[in-house]
């Protein structure tokens, strides 16, 4: 798992590309990175998941944790380019109702 992040000062938005797998082994590291970014600049998050190949329940927990963090300052999270099989996980868990989600075309 890796991320590439860029803060857009004009829109007060973090653009974050998530690469690889997010699972129980690397979720704590990702959570720390996300929380550090939110502390660095209080902004909205746009997560690009085009290169996300897997996410487990621990990874979903990280996204929920980030959402709670950004809601503290009225921020938002948008998740884009989910592969259909990953999008299905969000639908099954009901997380599609709390995140703004875009689906990657097959």
N, C-alpha and C. Protein backbone atom coordinates (compact mmCIF):
# COMPACT_ATOMS: atom_id res chain seq x y z
N UNK A 1 0.85 -1.17 0.00
CA UNK A 1 0.00 0.00 0.00
C UNK A 1 0.88 1.23 0.00
N UNK A 2 0.47 2.19 -0.78
CA UNK A 2 1.16 3.47 -0.82
C UNK A 2 0.11 4.54 -1.11
N UNK A 3 0.42 5.77 -0.77
CA UNK A 3 -0.45 6.87 -1.15
C UNK A 3 0.40 7.99 -1.73
N UNK A 4 -0.21 8.73 -2.60
CA UNK A 4 0.39 9.95 -3.13
C UNK A 4 -0.62 11.05 -2.86
N UNK A 5 -0.18 12.08 -2.16
CA UNK A 5 -1.11 13.13 -1.77
C UNK A 5 -0.65 14.49 -2.27
N UNK A 6 -1.64 15.34 -2.51
CA UNK A 6 -1.38 16.72 -2.93
C UNK A 6 -2.48 17.59 -2.34
N UNK A 7 -2.08 18.67 -1.70
CA UNK A 7 -3.05 19.60 -1.14
C UNK A 7 -3.27 20.75 -2.11
N UNK A 8 -4.53 20.99 -2.43
CA UNK A 8 -4.89 22.09 -3.34
C UNK A 8 -5.35 23.27 -2.49
N UNK A 9 -4.49 24.26 -2.37
CA UNK A 9 -4.75 25.40 -1.50
C UNK A 9 -6.01 26.16 -1.94
N UNK A 10 -6.21 26.30 -3.25
CA UNK A 10 -7.33 27.10 -3.75
C UNK A 10 -8.69 26.51 -3.38
N UNK A 11 -8.77 25.17 -3.30
CA UNK A 11 -10.05 24.53 -2.96
C UNK A 11 -10.04 23.94 -1.56
N UNK A 12 -8.90 24.06 -0.86
CA UNK A 12 -8.76 23.48 0.49
C UNK A 12 -9.11 21.99 0.48
N UNK A 13 -8.51 21.28 -0.49
CA UNK A 13 -8.83 19.87 -0.70
C UNK A 13 -7.56 19.04 -0.83
N UNK A 14 -7.56 17.91 -0.12
CA UNK A 14 -6.51 16.90 -0.29
C UNK A 14 -6.92 15.97 -1.41
N UNK A 15 -6.06 15.75 -2.38
CA UNK A 15 -6.26 14.74 -3.42
C UNK A 15 -5.29 13.61 -3.10
N UNK A 16 -5.85 12.43 -2.84
CA UNK A 16 -5.03 11.31 -2.39
C UNK A 16 -5.26 10.11 -3.30
N UNK A 17 -4.19 9.60 -3.89
CA UNK A 17 -4.23 8.38 -4.69
C UNK A 17 -3.83 7.23 -3.77
N UNK A 18 -4.70 6.22 -3.66
CA UNK A 18 -4.41 5.04 -2.84
C UNK A 18 -4.00 3.92 -3.78
N UNK A 19 -2.83 3.34 -3.51
CA UNK A 19 -2.24 2.35 -4.41
C UNK A 19 -2.07 1.02 -3.67
N UNK A 20 -2.54 -0.06 -4.28
CA UNK A 20 -2.32 -1.40 -3.73
C UNK A 20 -3.43 -1.86 -2.82
N UNK A 21 -3.05 -2.63 -1.81
CA UNK A 21 -4.00 -3.26 -0.89
C UNK A 21 -4.02 -2.53 0.44
N UNK A 22 -5.22 -2.36 1.00
CA UNK A 22 -5.37 -1.83 2.35
C UNK A 22 -5.99 -2.94 3.19
N UNK A 23 -5.20 -3.42 4.15
CA UNK A 23 -5.66 -4.55 4.96
C UNK A 23 -5.17 -4.39 6.40
N UNK A 24 -5.41 -5.43 7.19
CA UNK A 24 -5.10 -5.39 8.61
C UNK A 24 -3.62 -5.09 8.86
N UNK A 25 -2.76 -5.43 7.93
CA UNK A 25 -1.32 -5.26 8.11
C UNK A 25 -0.86 -3.81 7.93
N UNK A 26 -1.51 -3.08 7.03
CA UNK A 26 -1.04 -1.71 6.78
C UNK A 26 -2.07 -0.64 7.14
N UNK A 27 -3.23 -1.03 7.61
CA UNK A 27 -4.27 -0.06 7.96
C UNK A 27 -3.82 0.93 9.03
N UNK A 28 -3.11 0.51 10.08
CA UNK A 28 -2.68 1.50 11.08
C UNK A 28 -1.78 2.59 10.49
N UNK A 29 -0.91 2.20 9.56
CA UNK A 29 -0.03 3.17 8.89
C UNK A 29 -0.85 4.15 8.06
N UNK A 30 -1.85 3.63 7.33
CA UNK A 30 -2.69 4.50 6.51
C UNK A 30 -3.49 5.45 7.38
N UNK A 31 -4.02 4.94 8.49
CA UNK A 31 -4.79 5.79 9.41
C UNK A 31 -3.93 6.94 9.91
N UNK A 32 -2.70 6.64 10.30
CA UNK A 32 -1.80 7.68 10.77
C UNK A 32 -1.52 8.71 9.68
N UNK A 33 -1.26 8.24 8.46
CA UNK A 33 -1.00 9.16 7.34
C UNK A 33 -2.20 10.08 7.12
N UNK A 34 -3.40 9.50 7.08
CA UNK A 34 -4.60 10.30 6.85
C UNK A 34 -4.80 11.33 7.96
N UNK A 35 -4.65 10.91 9.20
CA UNK A 35 -4.86 11.83 10.32
C UNK A 35 -3.80 12.93 10.33
N UNK A 36 -2.56 12.58 9.96
CA UNK A 36 -1.51 13.59 9.86
C UNK A 36 -1.85 14.63 8.78
N UNK A 37 -2.37 14.17 7.65
CA UNK A 37 -2.76 15.10 6.58
C UNK A 37 -3.87 16.02 7.06
N UNK A 38 -4.86 15.45 7.74
CA UNK A 38 -5.99 16.25 8.23
C UNK A 38 -5.54 17.29 9.25
N UNK A 39 -4.51 16.97 10.00
CA UNK A 39 -3.97 17.93 10.96
C UNK A 39 -3.13 19.00 10.27
N UNK A 40 -2.43 18.59 9.23
CA UNK A 40 -1.57 19.51 8.49
C UNK A 40 -2.38 20.61 7.81
N UNK A 41 -3.44 20.21 7.12
CA UNK A 41 -4.36 21.15 6.46
C UNK A 41 -5.76 20.63 6.65
N UNK A 42 -6.60 21.40 7.30
CA UNK A 42 -7.99 20.99 7.48
C UNK A 42 -8.74 21.23 6.18
N UNK A 43 -8.91 20.18 5.42
CA UNK A 43 -9.58 20.31 4.14
C UNK A 43 -10.41 19.08 3.84
N UNK A 44 -11.13 19.16 2.73
CA UNK A 44 -11.88 18.01 2.24
C UNK A 44 -10.88 17.00 1.67
N UNK A 45 -11.32 15.75 1.54
CA UNK A 45 -10.49 14.70 0.96
C UNK A 45 -11.17 14.14 -0.27
N UNK A 46 -10.42 14.04 -1.36
CA UNK A 46 -10.87 13.33 -2.55
C UNK A 46 -9.92 12.14 -2.70
N UNK A 47 -10.45 10.94 -2.52
CA UNK A 47 -9.65 9.74 -2.59
C UNK A 47 -9.82 9.09 -3.95
N UNK A 48 -8.71 8.95 -4.66
CA UNK A 48 -8.72 8.28 -5.97
C UNK A 48 -8.31 6.84 -5.75
N UNK A 49 -9.24 5.93 -5.99
CA UNK A 49 -9.01 4.51 -5.72
C UNK A 49 -8.81 3.71 -7.01
N UNK A 50 -8.42 4.36 -8.09
CA UNK A 50 -8.23 3.66 -9.36
C UNK A 50 -7.18 2.56 -9.24
N UNK A 51 -6.19 2.75 -8.36
CA UNK A 51 -5.13 1.76 -8.17
C UNK A 51 -5.27 0.97 -6.88
N UNK A 52 -6.44 1.08 -6.23
CA UNK A 52 -6.72 0.27 -5.04
C UNK A 52 -7.15 -1.11 -5.52
N UNK A 53 -6.42 -2.14 -5.08
CA UNK A 53 -6.70 -3.49 -5.57
C UNK A 53 -7.43 -4.35 -4.55
N UNK A 54 -7.45 -3.92 -3.27
CA UNK A 54 -8.11 -4.72 -2.23
C UNK A 54 -8.29 -3.85 -1.00
N UNK A 55 -9.40 -4.05 -0.31
CA UNK A 55 -9.61 -3.40 0.99
C UNK A 55 -10.41 -4.35 1.86
N UNK A 56 -9.97 -4.51 3.11
CA UNK A 56 -10.71 -5.36 4.03
C UNK A 56 -11.44 -4.49 5.05
N UNK A 57 -12.07 -5.13 6.02
CA UNK A 57 -12.87 -4.38 7.00
C UNK A 57 -12.02 -3.41 7.81
N UNK A 58 -10.76 -3.75 8.04
CA UNK A 58 -9.87 -2.84 8.77
C UNK A 58 -9.64 -1.58 7.95
N UNK A 59 -9.47 -1.74 6.64
CA UNK A 59 -9.30 -0.60 5.75
C UNK A 59 -10.55 0.27 5.71
N UNK A 60 -11.72 -0.36 5.71
CA UNK A 60 -12.96 0.41 5.75
C UNK A 60 -13.04 1.20 7.05
N UNK A 61 -12.57 0.59 8.13
CA UNK A 61 -12.54 1.28 9.42
C UNK A 61 -11.66 2.52 9.38
N UNK A 62 -10.56 2.45 8.63
CA UNK A 62 -9.68 3.61 8.48
C UNK A 62 -10.43 4.75 7.79
N UNK A 63 -11.20 4.41 6.75
CA UNK A 63 -11.96 5.45 6.03
C UNK A 63 -13.02 6.07 6.94
N UNK A 64 -13.66 5.24 7.76
CA UNK A 64 -14.66 5.76 8.70
C UNK A 64 -13.98 6.66 9.73
N UNK A 65 -12.82 6.26 10.19
CA UNK A 65 -12.05 7.07 11.15
C UNK A 65 -11.70 8.43 10.54
N UNK A 66 -11.28 8.41 9.28
CA UNK A 66 -10.95 9.67 8.60
C UNK A 66 -12.20 10.53 8.46
N UNK A 67 -13.33 9.91 8.14
CA UNK A 67 -14.58 10.66 8.00
C UNK A 67 -14.93 11.35 9.32
N UNK A 68 -14.81 10.62 10.42
CA UNK A 68 -15.08 11.23 11.73
C UNK A 68 -14.15 12.42 11.98
N UNK A 69 -12.89 12.26 11.60
CA UNK A 69 -11.89 13.32 11.79
C UNK A 69 -12.26 14.57 10.99
N UNK A 70 -12.59 14.41 9.71
CA UNK A 70 -12.89 15.58 8.88
C UNK A 70 -14.23 16.20 9.24
N UNK A 71 -15.15 15.40 9.77
CA UNK A 71 -16.44 15.95 10.20
C UNK A 71 -16.28 16.89 11.39
N UNK A 72 -15.18 16.72 12.16
CA UNK A 72 -14.91 17.61 13.29
C UNK A 72 -14.78 19.06 12.84
N UNK A 73 -14.32 19.26 11.61
CA UNK A 73 -14.20 20.62 11.08
C UNK A 73 -15.07 20.83 9.84
N UNK A 74 -16.15 20.06 9.76
CA UNK A 74 -17.14 20.17 8.67
C UNK A 74 -16.56 19.86 7.29
N UNK A 75 -15.57 18.99 7.25
CA UNK A 75 -15.01 18.56 5.98
C UNK A 75 -15.80 17.41 5.39
N UNK A 76 -15.40 16.97 4.21
CA UNK A 76 -16.08 15.86 3.55
C UNK A 76 -15.06 14.95 2.88
N UNK A 77 -15.54 13.76 2.52
CA UNK A 77 -14.72 12.79 1.80
C UNK A 77 -15.49 12.36 0.57
N UNK A 78 -14.78 12.36 -0.55
CA UNK A 78 -15.33 11.83 -1.81
C UNK A 78 -14.41 10.70 -2.24
N UNK A 79 -14.98 9.57 -2.58
CA UNK A 79 -14.20 8.40 -3.00
C UNK A 79 -14.51 8.15 -4.47
N UNK A 80 -13.47 8.19 -5.30
CA UNK A 80 -13.66 8.06 -6.74
C UNK A 80 -12.93 6.83 -7.29
N UNK A 81 -13.40 6.38 -8.44
CA UNK A 81 -12.75 5.34 -9.23
C UNK A 81 -12.65 3.99 -8.52
N UNK A 82 -13.67 3.64 -7.74
CA UNK A 82 -13.68 2.31 -7.12
C UNK A 82 -13.93 1.26 -8.20
N UNK A 83 -13.16 0.20 -8.16
CA UNK A 83 -13.43 -0.92 -9.05
C UNK A 83 -14.78 -1.52 -8.64
N UNK A 84 -15.53 -2.08 -9.58
CA UNK A 84 -16.87 -2.60 -9.26
C UNK A 84 -16.89 -3.59 -8.09
N UNK A 85 -15.91 -4.48 -7.99
CA UNK A 85 -15.93 -5.46 -6.90
C UNK A 85 -15.65 -4.81 -5.55
N UNK A 86 -14.92 -3.70 -5.54
CA UNK A 86 -14.69 -2.98 -4.29
C UNK A 86 -15.92 -2.11 -3.97
N UNK A 87 -16.51 -1.53 -4.98
CA UNK A 87 -17.73 -0.75 -4.78
C UNK A 87 -18.81 -1.62 -4.13
N UNK A 88 -18.87 -2.88 -4.55
CA UNK A 88 -19.86 -3.82 -4.00
C UNK A 88 -19.70 -3.95 -2.48
N UNK A 89 -18.47 -3.94 -1.99
CA UNK A 89 -18.21 -4.02 -0.55
C UNK A 89 -18.83 -2.80 0.15
N UNK A 90 -18.69 -1.63 -0.46
CA UNK A 90 -19.27 -0.42 0.13
C UNK A 90 -20.80 -0.51 0.16
N UNK A 91 -21.39 -1.08 -0.88
CA UNK A 91 -22.85 -1.23 -0.93
C UNK A 91 -23.31 -2.23 0.12
N UNK A 92 -22.65 -3.37 0.20
CA UNK A 92 -23.04 -4.42 1.15
C UNK A 92 -22.97 -3.90 2.59
N UNK A 93 -21.95 -3.10 2.89
CA UNK A 93 -21.76 -2.60 4.25
C UNK A 93 -22.56 -1.33 4.53
N UNK A 94 -23.20 -0.77 3.50
CA UNK A 94 -23.97 0.46 3.67
C UNK A 94 -23.12 1.72 3.66
N UNK A 95 -21.82 1.57 3.42
CA UNK A 95 -20.94 2.75 3.42
C UNK A 95 -21.17 3.65 2.20
N UNK A 96 -21.86 3.12 1.20
CA UNK A 96 -22.20 3.96 0.05
C UNK A 96 -23.20 5.05 0.43
N UNK A 97 -23.82 4.90 1.61
CA UNK A 97 -24.79 5.90 2.08
C UNK A 97 -24.11 7.04 2.85
N UNK A 98 -22.87 6.81 3.33
CA UNK A 98 -22.22 7.87 4.12
C UNK A 98 -21.06 8.52 3.38
N UNK A 99 -20.59 7.90 2.31
CA UNK A 99 -19.54 8.50 1.48
C UNK A 99 -20.12 8.85 0.11
N UNK A 100 -19.60 9.89 -0.51
CA UNK A 100 -19.89 10.17 -1.90
C UNK A 100 -18.95 9.30 -2.73
N UNK A 101 -19.50 8.44 -3.56
CA UNK A 101 -18.70 7.41 -4.24
C UNK A 101 -18.91 7.44 -5.75
N UNK A 102 -17.78 7.31 -6.45
CA UNK A 102 -17.80 7.14 -7.91
C UNK A 102 -17.32 5.74 -8.22
N UNK A 103 -17.87 5.12 -9.26
CA UNK A 103 -17.50 3.74 -9.63
C UNK A 103 -16.68 3.77 -10.90
N UNK A 104 -15.59 3.00 -10.90
CA UNK A 104 -14.77 2.87 -12.10
C UNK A 104 -15.48 1.95 -13.08
N UNK A 105 -15.50 2.36 -14.31
CA UNK A 105 -16.14 1.52 -15.33
C UNK A 105 -15.27 0.29 -15.60
N UNK A 106 -15.93 -0.84 -15.80
CA UNK A 106 -15.20 -2.10 -16.03
C UNK A 106 -14.55 -2.12 -17.39
